[in-house]
N, C-alpha and C. Protein backbone atom coordinates (compact mmCIF):
# COMPACT_ATOMS: atom_id res chain seq x y z
N MET A 1 169.69 204.93 -42.47
CA MET A 1 170.65 203.99 -43.37
C MET A 1 170.11 202.62 -43.06
N THR A 2 170.23 201.88 -44.50
CA THR A 2 169.44 200.44 -44.59
C THR A 2 170.46 199.76 -44.65
N ALA A 3 170.95 199.08 -43.67
CA ALA A 3 171.53 197.76 -43.86
C ALA A 3 171.13 196.48 -44.28
N ARG A 4 172.09 196.00 -45.77
CA ARG A 4 171.11 194.62 -46.22
C ARG A 4 173.00 193.48 -45.74
N VAL A 5 172.28 192.60 -45.08
CA VAL A 5 173.79 191.62 -45.37
C VAL A 5 173.13 190.32 -46.28
N ILE A 6 174.00 190.44 -47.10
CA ILE A 6 173.66 188.89 -48.04
C ILE A 6 174.93 188.51 -48.24
N THR A 7 174.89 187.11 -47.38
CA THR A 7 176.07 185.97 -47.45
C THR A 7 175.96 185.39 -48.49
N CYS A 8 176.71 184.77 -49.08
CA CYS A 8 177.07 183.69 -50.45
C CYS A 8 178.59 182.61 -50.13
N PHE A 9 178.11 182.03 -49.55
CA PHE A 9 179.08 180.59 -49.57
C PHE A 9 179.16 179.90 -50.58
N HIS A 10 178.08 179.49 -51.92
CA HIS A 10 177.81 178.73 -52.52
C HIS A 10 178.50 179.54 -54.15
N ALA A 11 178.39 178.61 -54.91
CA ALA A 11 178.39 178.96 -56.44
C ALA A 11 177.32 179.73 -56.47
N PRO A 12 177.45 180.61 -57.69
CA PRO A 12 176.48 181.67 -57.93
C PRO A 12 175.23 181.25 -58.16
N GLN A 13 174.31 181.60 -57.58
CA GLN A 13 172.96 181.21 -58.25
C GLN A 13 172.07 182.32 -58.78
N SER A 14 171.15 181.75 -59.31
CA SER A 14 169.87 182.75 -60.21
C SER A 14 169.80 183.40 -58.99
N CYS A 15 169.10 184.74 -59.40
CA CYS A 15 168.27 185.57 -58.10
C CYS A 15 167.28 185.52 -58.60
N THR A 16 166.19 184.80 -57.58
CA THR A 16 165.09 184.85 -57.52
C THR A 16 164.58 185.93 -57.74
N ALA A 17 165.06 186.69 -56.89
CA ALA A 17 164.27 187.97 -56.57
C ALA A 17 163.99 188.93 -57.70
N CYS A 18 164.97 188.45 -58.81
CA CYS A 18 165.06 189.22 -59.82
C CYS A 18 164.25 188.15 -61.33
N ARG A 19 163.84 186.94 -60.68
CA ARG A 19 163.42 185.96 -61.83
C ARG A 19 164.97 185.43 -62.44
N GLY A 20 166.06 185.36 -62.10
CA GLY A 20 167.34 185.17 -62.64
C GLY A 20 167.78 185.87 -63.92
N SER A 21 167.01 187.19 -63.68
CA SER A 21 167.30 188.18 -64.69
C SER A 21 168.52 189.80 -63.87
N GLY A 22 168.99 190.25 -64.29
CA GLY A 22 169.57 191.23 -63.96
C GLY A 22 168.84 192.65 -63.17
N GLY A 23 167.17 192.28 -63.60
CA GLY A 23 166.49 193.60 -62.94
C GLY A 23 164.81 192.72 -63.26
N SER A 24 164.20 193.81 -63.08
CA SER A 24 162.82 193.13 -63.52
C SER A 24 161.65 194.39 -64.27
N THR A 25 161.29 194.30 -64.43
CA THR A 25 159.88 195.26 -65.21
C THR A 25 159.00 195.69 -64.34
N THR A 26 158.97 196.86 -64.12
CA THR A 26 157.66 197.52 -63.46
C THR A 26 156.91 198.24 -64.42
N THR A 27 155.65 197.75 -64.17
CA THR A 27 154.40 198.60 -65.01
C THR A 27 153.89 199.39 -64.38
N GLU A 28 153.22 200.48 -64.64
CA GLU A 28 152.85 201.00 -63.78
C GLU A 28 151.67 201.97 -64.25
N THR A 29 150.39 202.36 -64.16
CA THR A 29 149.62 203.32 -64.59
C THR A 29 149.17 204.76 -64.13
N VAL A 30 149.27 205.67 -65.05
CA VAL A 30 149.19 206.68 -64.57
C VAL A 30 147.98 207.61 -65.32
N ASN A 31 146.67 207.70 -64.73
CA ASN A 31 145.97 208.75 -65.95
C ASN A 31 145.79 207.71 -67.13
N GLY A 32 145.47 206.31 -67.16
CA GLY A 32 145.08 205.67 -68.11
C GLY A 32 146.53 205.05 -68.95
N VAL A 33 147.51 205.53 -68.75
CA VAL A 33 148.76 205.50 -69.80
C VAL A 33 149.76 204.96 -68.98
N THR A 34 149.56 203.38 -69.59
CA THR A 34 150.79 202.24 -69.14
C THR A 34 152.36 202.70 -69.89
N ARG A 35 152.86 202.59 -68.32
CA ARG A 35 154.45 202.77 -68.56
C ARG A 35 155.16 201.67 -67.88
N SER A 36 155.73 201.21 -68.86
CA SER A 36 156.94 200.02 -68.42
C SER A 36 158.45 200.44 -68.51
N GLN A 37 158.71 200.25 -66.95
CA GLN A 37 160.31 200.77 -66.35
C GLN A 37 161.10 199.42 -66.09
N TRP A 38 162.52 199.41 -66.50
CA TRP A 38 163.36 198.74 -66.30
C TRP A 38 163.88 199.10 -64.75
N GLN A 39 164.01 198.34 -63.78
CA GLN A 39 164.68 198.47 -62.95
C GLN A 39 165.61 197.24 -62.39
N SER A 40 167.05 197.82 -62.15
CA SER A 40 168.25 196.70 -62.44
C SER A 40 167.62 196.25 -60.68
N CYS A 41 168.60 195.09 -60.59
CA CYS A 41 168.31 194.20 -58.96
C CYS A 41 169.36 194.63 -58.01
N ASP A 42 168.85 195.23 -57.54
CA ASP A 42 169.88 195.46 -56.09
C ASP A 42 170.30 194.44 -55.42
N ALA A 43 169.54 193.63 -55.31
CA ALA A 43 170.00 192.25 -54.50
C ALA A 43 171.16 191.54 -55.60
N CYS A 44 171.02 191.41 -56.43
CA CYS A 44 171.93 190.93 -57.42
C CYS A 44 173.01 191.73 -57.35
N ASN A 45 173.32 192.73 -57.52
CA ASN A 45 174.23 193.56 -57.70
C ASN A 45 173.78 194.17 -59.71
N GLY A 46 172.90 194.28 -60.00
CA GLY A 46 172.25 194.05 -61.17
C GLY A 46 173.05 193.22 -62.18
N SER A 47 172.80 192.12 -61.60
CA SER A 47 173.10 190.78 -62.71
C SER A 47 172.11 189.90 -62.12
N GLY A 48 172.38 188.95 -62.83
CA GLY A 48 171.30 187.57 -63.04
C GLY A 48 171.53 186.68 -61.74
N GLN A 49 173.18 186.68 -61.01
CA GLN A 49 173.24 185.80 -60.11
C GLN A 49 173.84 186.28 -59.13
N ARG A 50 173.75 185.76 -58.48
CA ARG A 50 174.55 186.19 -56.98
C ARG A 50 175.37 185.25 -55.97
């Protein structure tokens, strides 16, 4: 089990881990084929703010 503690006492801030968006696009190349996958930002609960 992984425990993550995120404490926020201020107004919502943009999620720097996701560059202010609800997620990030990861690109992987397998056998010369490039695929882009959208990953929601767990650190921001899928939103652009925290």
